Amino acid sequence: MATQHTHRPNFGRQVADCPRCTELVAGAEPIAWGSRPAPETPTATTTKHNHQVVFGRRIDGCPRCAELTAGAEPVRWAPSRREREQQDDALRAAAIREHFAPNGPHSTATCGPVCTFGDW
């Protein structure tokens, strides 16, 4: 866990007596914004279309359209909203299961519903 700033956010301006600003000046990595990992970009290169792409419409004589017709997977640049929500729900459910595990930080004997209020 990174050291916390001792001042309010000032968007890139360093404060002389702040320990976190001193770490950043010394070369520490800044903390990434957001809790979701960055979407994976396709690493494999695919055959290019030889025409202007009209989504869902296949053109005769195009090698990429022929691949798609034969069953090739379409290129996906980012997960859909439904997939992101399912990933978030799975992570939240795993965290709750871990929280109430018999050997976890809170067993059912020591923890009640107040402990996780607002987590859903």
N, C-alpha and C. Protein backbone atom coordinates (compact mmCIF):
# COMPACT_ATOMS: atom_id res chain seq x y z
N MET A 1 0.85 -1.18 0.00
CA MET A 1 0.00 0.00 0.00
C MET A 1 0.89 1.23 0.00
N ALA A 2 0.58 2.18 -0.82
CA ALA A 2 1.37 3.40 -0.94
C ALA A 2 1.09 4.35 0.22
N THR A 3 2.06 5.16 0.50
CA THR A 3 1.91 6.20 1.52
C THR A 3 0.83 7.18 1.07
N GLN A 4 0.05 7.67 1.99
CA GLN A 4 -1.02 8.61 1.67
C GLN A 4 -0.48 10.04 1.60
N HIS A 5 -1.10 10.86 0.77
CA HIS A 5 -0.77 12.29 0.73
C HIS A 5 -1.25 12.95 2.02
N THR A 6 -0.58 13.99 2.45
CA THR A 6 -0.97 14.72 3.65
C THR A 6 -1.77 15.98 3.31
N HIS A 7 -2.17 16.10 2.06
CA HIS A 7 -2.89 17.29 1.60
C HIS A 7 -4.00 16.85 0.67
N ARG A 8 -4.86 17.77 0.30
CA ARG A 8 -5.94 17.49 -0.64
C ARG A 8 -5.36 17.34 -2.04
N PRO A 9 -6.08 16.71 -2.95
CA PRO A 9 -5.57 16.54 -4.32
C PRO A 9 -5.29 17.88 -4.98
N ASN A 10 -4.16 17.95 -5.65
CA ASN A 10 -3.84 19.16 -6.40
C ASN A 10 -3.37 18.82 -7.80
N PHE A 11 -3.69 17.62 -8.27
CA PHE A 11 -3.55 17.19 -9.65
C PHE A 11 -2.17 17.43 -10.24
N GLY A 12 -1.17 16.75 -9.68
CA GLY A 12 0.16 16.76 -10.25
C GLY A 12 1.14 17.73 -9.63
N ARG A 13 0.69 18.71 -8.89
CA ARG A 13 1.62 19.64 -8.26
C ARG A 13 2.13 19.03 -6.97
N GLN A 14 3.43 19.06 -6.78
CA GLN A 14 4.06 18.45 -5.61
C GLN A 14 4.05 19.41 -4.43
N VAL A 15 3.87 18.86 -3.23
CA VAL A 15 3.93 19.64 -2.00
C VAL A 15 5.22 19.23 -1.28
N ALA A 16 5.99 20.21 -0.83
CA ALA A 16 7.32 19.96 -0.30
C ALA A 16 7.34 19.05 0.92
N ASP A 17 6.43 19.19 1.87
CA ASP A 17 6.51 18.43 3.11
C ASP A 17 5.61 17.18 3.10
N CYS A 18 5.13 16.74 1.94
CA CYS A 18 4.27 15.57 1.84
C CYS A 18 5.12 14.33 1.55
N PRO A 19 5.03 13.26 2.39
CA PRO A 19 5.86 12.08 2.14
C PRO A 19 5.52 11.37 0.83
N ARG A 20 4.25 11.33 0.41
CA ARG A 20 3.88 10.68 -0.84
C ARG A 20 4.43 11.45 -2.02
N CYS A 21 4.38 12.79 -1.98
CA CYS A 21 4.95 13.60 -3.06
C CYS A 21 6.45 13.36 -3.17
N THR A 22 7.13 13.20 -2.03
CA THR A 22 8.56 12.92 -2.03
C THR A 22 8.83 11.57 -2.69
N GLU A 23 7.99 10.55 -2.40
CA GLU A 23 8.14 9.24 -3.04
C GLU A 23 7.96 9.35 -4.56
N LEU A 24 6.97 10.12 -4.99
CA LEU A 24 6.71 10.26 -6.42
C LEU A 24 7.86 10.96 -7.13
N VAL A 25 8.44 11.97 -6.49
CA VAL A 25 9.58 12.67 -7.08
C VAL A 25 10.77 11.71 -7.19
N ALA A 26 10.89 10.79 -6.22
CA ALA A 26 12.00 9.83 -6.21
C ALA A 26 11.79 8.71 -7.23
N GLY A 27 10.62 8.64 -7.85
CA GLY A 27 10.40 7.65 -8.91
C GLY A 27 9.39 6.57 -8.59
N ALA A 28 8.63 6.69 -7.52
CA ALA A 28 7.61 5.69 -7.20
C ALA A 28 6.51 5.71 -8.25
N GLU A 29 5.87 4.56 -8.44
CA GLU A 29 4.78 4.45 -9.41
C GLU A 29 3.53 5.12 -8.86
N PRO A 30 2.85 5.91 -9.66
CA PRO A 30 1.57 6.49 -9.20
C PRO A 30 0.52 5.40 -9.08
N ILE A 31 -0.48 5.63 -8.25
CA ILE A 31 -1.55 4.67 -8.05
C ILE A 31 -2.52 4.78 -9.22
N ALA A 32 -2.90 3.62 -9.76
CA ALA A 32 -3.81 3.60 -10.90
C ALA A 32 -5.22 3.94 -10.44
N TRP A 33 -5.95 4.68 -11.26
CA TRP A 33 -7.32 5.05 -10.94
C TRP A 33 -8.24 3.91 -11.32
N GLY A 34 -9.31 3.71 -10.58
CA GLY A 34 -10.33 2.71 -10.89
C GLY A 34 -9.98 1.34 -10.37
N SER A 35 -10.99 0.53 -10.22
CA SER A 35 -10.76 -0.80 -9.68
C SER A 35 -10.76 -1.89 -10.74
N ARG A 36 -11.19 -1.62 -11.94
CA ARG A 36 -11.23 -2.62 -12.98
C ARG A 36 -9.88 -2.68 -13.70
N PRO A 37 -9.46 -3.87 -14.06
CA PRO A 37 -8.25 -3.96 -14.86
C PRO A 37 -8.50 -3.41 -16.26
N ALA A 38 -7.45 -2.98 -16.89
CA ALA A 38 -7.58 -2.44 -18.24
C ALA A 38 -8.06 -3.54 -19.18
N PRO A 39 -8.90 -3.22 -20.14
CA PRO A 39 -9.37 -4.25 -21.07
C PRO A 39 -8.21 -4.79 -21.90
N GLU A 40 -8.26 -6.08 -22.15
CA GLU A 40 -7.21 -6.69 -22.95
C GLU A 40 -7.44 -6.37 -24.41
N THR A 41 -6.37 -5.99 -25.09
CA THR A 41 -6.47 -5.76 -26.52
C THR A 41 -6.08 -7.04 -27.24
N PRO A 42 -6.67 -7.31 -28.36
CA PRO A 42 -6.33 -8.54 -29.08
C PRO A 42 -4.84 -8.54 -29.44
N THR A 43 -4.17 -9.66 -29.15
CA THR A 43 -2.75 -9.75 -29.45
C THR A 43 -2.52 -10.39 -30.81
N ALA A 44 -3.40 -11.29 -31.21
CA ALA A 44 -3.23 -11.94 -32.51
C ALA A 44 -3.73 -11.00 -33.60
N THR A 45 -3.00 -10.97 -34.68
CA THR A 45 -3.45 -10.14 -35.79
C THR A 45 -4.41 -10.95 -36.64
N THR A 46 -5.40 -10.29 -37.17
CA THR A 46 -6.38 -10.96 -38.01
C THR A 46 -6.24 -10.45 -39.43
N THR A 47 -6.83 -11.18 -40.34
CA THR A 47 -6.87 -10.76 -41.73
C THR A 47 -7.69 -9.48 -41.82
N LYS A 48 -7.26 -8.56 -42.62
CA LYS A 48 -7.95 -7.27 -42.75
C LYS A 48 -9.07 -7.38 -43.80
N HIS A 49 -10.11 -6.62 -43.58
CA HIS A 49 -11.17 -6.49 -44.59
C HIS A 49 -10.62 -5.68 -45.76
N ASN A 50 -11.08 -5.96 -46.97
CA ASN A 50 -10.64 -5.17 -48.13
C ASN A 50 -11.72 -4.20 -48.58
N HIS A 51 -12.59 -3.82 -47.66
CA HIS A 51 -13.68 -2.89 -47.94
C HIS A 51 -14.01 -2.14 -46.66
N GLN A 52 -14.84 -1.13 -46.78
CA GLN A 52 -15.29 -0.42 -45.60
C GLN A 52 -16.19 -1.35 -44.80
N VAL A 53 -15.92 -1.47 -43.51
CA VAL A 53 -16.64 -2.43 -42.69
C VAL A 53 -18.04 -1.90 -42.37
N VAL A 54 -19.03 -2.72 -42.66
CA VAL A 54 -20.41 -2.46 -42.26
C VAL A 54 -20.76 -3.60 -41.32
N PHE A 55 -20.88 -3.31 -40.04
CA PHE A 55 -21.01 -4.34 -39.01
C PHE A 55 -22.18 -5.27 -39.28
N GLY A 56 -21.88 -6.57 -39.31
CA GLY A 56 -22.90 -7.59 -39.52
C GLY A 56 -23.15 -7.94 -40.97
N ARG A 57 -22.60 -7.19 -41.90
CA ARG A 57 -22.83 -7.45 -43.32
C ARG A 57 -21.56 -8.03 -43.93
N ARG A 58 -21.68 -9.16 -44.62
CA ARG A 58 -20.54 -9.82 -45.24
C ARG A 58 -20.50 -9.47 -46.73
N ILE A 59 -19.30 -9.29 -47.25
CA ILE A 59 -19.10 -8.92 -48.64
C ILE A 59 -18.39 -10.07 -49.36
N ASP A 60 -18.90 -10.47 -50.53
CA ASP A 60 -18.24 -11.53 -51.31
C ASP A 60 -16.89 -11.05 -51.78
N GLY A 61 -15.88 -11.93 -51.72
CA GLY A 61 -14.55 -11.60 -52.19
C GLY A 61 -13.65 -11.03 -51.12
N CYS A 62 -14.16 -10.79 -49.92
CA CYS A 62 -13.35 -10.26 -48.82
C CYS A 62 -12.80 -11.45 -48.02
N PRO A 63 -11.46 -11.53 -47.84
CA PRO A 63 -10.91 -12.68 -47.11
C PRO A 63 -11.35 -12.72 -45.64
N ARG A 64 -11.48 -11.58 -44.97
CA ARG A 64 -11.91 -11.58 -43.57
C ARG A 64 -13.37 -11.97 -43.43
N CYS A 65 -14.21 -11.52 -44.34
CA CYS A 65 -15.63 -11.92 -44.32
C CYS A 65 -15.75 -13.42 -44.54
N ALA A 66 -14.90 -14.00 -45.41
CA ALA A 66 -14.91 -15.44 -45.63
C ALA A 66 -14.52 -16.18 -44.35
N GLU A 67 -13.51 -15.67 -43.62
CA GLU A 67 -13.11 -16.28 -42.35
C GLU A 67 -14.26 -16.24 -41.34
N LEU A 68 -14.93 -15.10 -41.24
CA LEU A 68 -16.04 -14.97 -40.30
C LEU A 68 -17.20 -15.90 -40.66
N THR A 69 -17.47 -16.03 -41.96
CA THR A 69 -18.52 -16.93 -42.40
C THR A 69 -18.17 -18.38 -42.08
N ALA A 70 -16.87 -18.71 -42.14
CA ALA A 70 -16.40 -20.06 -41.84
C ALA A 70 -16.38 -20.35 -40.34
N GLY A 71 -16.63 -19.34 -39.50
CA GLY A 71 -16.71 -19.58 -38.06
C GLY A 71 -15.61 -18.95 -37.23
N ALA A 72 -14.80 -18.08 -37.81
CA ALA A 72 -13.74 -17.42 -37.03
C ALA A 72 -14.37 -16.48 -35.99
N GLU A 73 -13.68 -16.33 -34.86
CA GLU A 73 -14.16 -15.44 -33.80
C GLU A 73 -14.00 -13.98 -34.24
N PRO A 74 -15.00 -13.15 -34.01
CA PRO A 74 -14.83 -11.72 -34.31
C PRO A 74 -13.87 -11.09 -33.30
N VAL A 75 -13.22 -10.01 -33.69
CA VAL A 75 -12.31 -9.29 -32.80
C VAL A 75 -13.14 -8.55 -31.76
N ARG A 76 -12.75 -8.67 -30.50
CA ARG A 76 -13.44 -7.98 -29.41
C ARG A 76 -12.43 -7.06 -28.75
N TRP A 77 -12.72 -5.78 -28.71
CA TRP A 77 -11.78 -4.81 -28.16
C TRP A 77 -11.98 -4.58 -26.67
N ALA A 78 -13.17 -4.80 -26.17
CA ALA A 78 -13.44 -4.58 -24.75
C ALA A 78 -14.61 -5.47 -24.34
N PRO A 79 -14.67 -5.83 -23.05
CA PRO A 79 -15.80 -6.64 -22.61
C PRO A 79 -17.10 -5.85 -22.67
N SER A 80 -18.20 -6.57 -22.87
CA SER A 80 -19.49 -5.90 -22.90
C SER A 80 -19.89 -5.46 -21.50
N ARG A 81 -20.90 -4.64 -21.43
CA ARG A 81 -21.38 -4.17 -20.13
C ARG A 81 -21.84 -5.34 -19.26
N ARG A 82 -22.53 -6.29 -19.87
CA ARG A 82 -23.00 -7.47 -19.14
C ARG A 82 -21.81 -8.26 -18.58
N GLU A 83 -20.77 -8.45 -19.38
CA GLU A 83 -19.59 -9.18 -18.92
C GLU A 83 -18.89 -8.45 -17.78
N ARG A 84 -18.79 -7.12 -17.88
CA ARG A 84 -18.18 -6.35 -16.79
C ARG A 84 -18.99 -6.47 -15.50
N GLU A 85 -20.32 -6.41 -15.61
CA GLU A 85 -21.17 -6.54 -14.43
C GLU A 85 -21.05 -7.94 -13.83
N GLN A 86 -20.97 -8.98 -14.67
CA GLN A 86 -20.81 -10.34 -14.16
C GLN A 86 -19.46 -10.50 -13.46
N GLN A 87 -18.40 -9.90 -14.01
CA GLN A 87 -17.09 -9.96 -13.36
C GLN A 87 -17.13 -9.25 -12.02
N ASP A 88 -17.76 -8.08 -11.96
CA ASP A 88 -17.87 -7.34 -10.70
C ASP A 88 -18.66 -8.13 -9.67
N ASP A 89 -19.77 -8.76 -10.11
CA ASP A 89 -20.58 -9.55 -9.19
C ASP A 89 -19.80 -10.75 -8.66
N ALA A 90 -19.02 -11.40 -9.54
CA ALA A 90 -18.24 -12.56 -9.12
C ALA A 90 -17.17 -12.15 -8.11
N LEU A 91 -16.50 -11.01 -8.35
CA LEU A 91 -15.49 -10.53 -7.41
C LEU A 91 -16.11 -10.18 -6.06
N ARG A 92 -17.28 -9.54 -6.09
CA ARG A 92 -17.97 -9.17 -4.86
C ARG A 92 -18.40 -10.42 -4.08
N ALA A 93 -18.94 -11.41 -4.77
CA ALA A 93 -19.36 -12.65 -4.11
C ALA A 93 -18.16 -13.38 -3.51
N ALA A 94 -17.03 -13.41 -4.23
CA ALA A 94 -15.83 -14.06 -3.70
C ALA A 94 -15.32 -13.34 -2.46
N ALA A 95 -15.38 -12.01 -2.46
CA ALA A 95 -14.93 -11.25 -1.30
C ALA A 95 -15.83 -11.52 -0.09
N ILE A 96 -17.13 -11.64 -0.30
CA ILE A 96 -18.05 -11.92 0.80
C ILE A 96 -17.82 -13.33 1.32
N ARG A 97 -17.62 -14.32 0.40
CA ARG A 97 -17.33 -15.69 0.85
C ARG A 97 -16.03 -15.74 1.65
N GLU A 98 -15.02 -15.02 1.19
CA GLU A 98 -13.74 -14.99 1.91
C GLU A 98 -13.91 -14.33 3.27
N HIS A 99 -14.72 -13.30 3.33
CA HIS A 99 -14.95 -12.57 4.58
C HIS A 99 -15.55 -13.48 5.65
N PHE A 100 -16.51 -14.31 5.25
CA PHE A 100 -17.20 -15.17 6.20
C PHE A 100 -16.66 -16.59 6.24
N ALA A 101 -15.52 -16.86 5.63
CA ALA A 101 -14.94 -18.21 5.65
C ALA A 101 -14.61 -18.61 7.09
N PRO A 102 -14.66 -19.92 7.40
CA PRO A 102 -14.37 -20.36 8.77
C PRO A 102 -12.99 -19.93 9.27
N ASN A 103 -12.03 -19.90 8.39
CA ASN A 103 -10.68 -19.48 8.79
C ASN A 103 -10.36 -18.06 8.32
N GLY A 104 -11.37 -17.35 7.84
CA GLY A 104 -11.17 -16.00 7.33
C GLY A 104 -11.10 -14.98 8.45
N PRO A 105 -11.01 -13.70 8.09
CA PRO A 105 -10.87 -12.64 9.09
C PRO A 105 -12.07 -12.55 10.02
N HIS A 106 -13.24 -12.95 9.56
CA HIS A 106 -14.45 -12.90 10.38
C HIS A 106 -15.20 -14.20 10.19
N SER A 107 -15.28 -15.00 11.21
CA SER A 107 -16.12 -16.19 11.12
C SER A 107 -17.53 -15.79 11.52
N THR A 108 -18.48 -16.66 11.26
CA THR A 108 -19.87 -16.33 11.59
C THR A 108 -20.07 -16.16 13.09
N ALA A 109 -19.16 -16.70 13.89
CA ALA A 109 -19.30 -16.57 15.34
C ALA A 109 -18.93 -15.17 15.81
N THR A 110 -18.05 -14.47 15.09
CA THR A 110 -17.59 -13.16 15.53
C THR A 110 -18.11 -12.02 14.68
N CYS A 111 -18.78 -12.33 13.59
CA CYS A 111 -19.18 -11.28 12.66
C CYS A 111 -20.67 -11.40 12.36
N GLY A 112 -21.32 -10.28 12.22
CA GLY A 112 -22.75 -10.28 11.92
C GLY A 112 -23.05 -9.47 10.69
N PRO A 113 -24.33 -9.25 10.38
CA PRO A 113 -24.70 -8.52 9.16
C PRO A 113 -24.28 -7.05 9.19
N VAL A 114 -24.04 -6.50 10.35
CA VAL A 114 -23.64 -5.09 10.43
C VAL A 114 -22.24 -4.91 9.84
N CYS A 115 -21.43 -5.94 9.95
CA CYS A 115 -20.04 -5.87 9.48
C CYS A 115 -19.97 -5.59 7.98
N THR A 116 -20.90 -6.13 7.21
CA THR A 116 -20.87 -5.98 5.75
C THR A 116 -21.98 -5.07 5.24
N PHE A 117 -22.58 -4.26 6.07
CA PHE A 117 -23.66 -3.39 5.63
C PHE A 117 -23.18 -2.46 4.51
N GLY A 118 -23.91 -2.40 3.45
CA GLY A 118 -23.59 -1.51 2.33
C GLY A 118 -22.65 -2.11 1.32
N ASP A 119 -22.17 -3.35 1.51
CA ASP A 119 -21.23 -3.95 0.57
C ASP A 119 -21.90 -4.49 -0.69
N TRP A 120 -23.21 -4.54 -0.73
CA TRP A 120 -23.87 -5.12 -1.91
C TRP A 120 -24.40 -4.08 -2.82
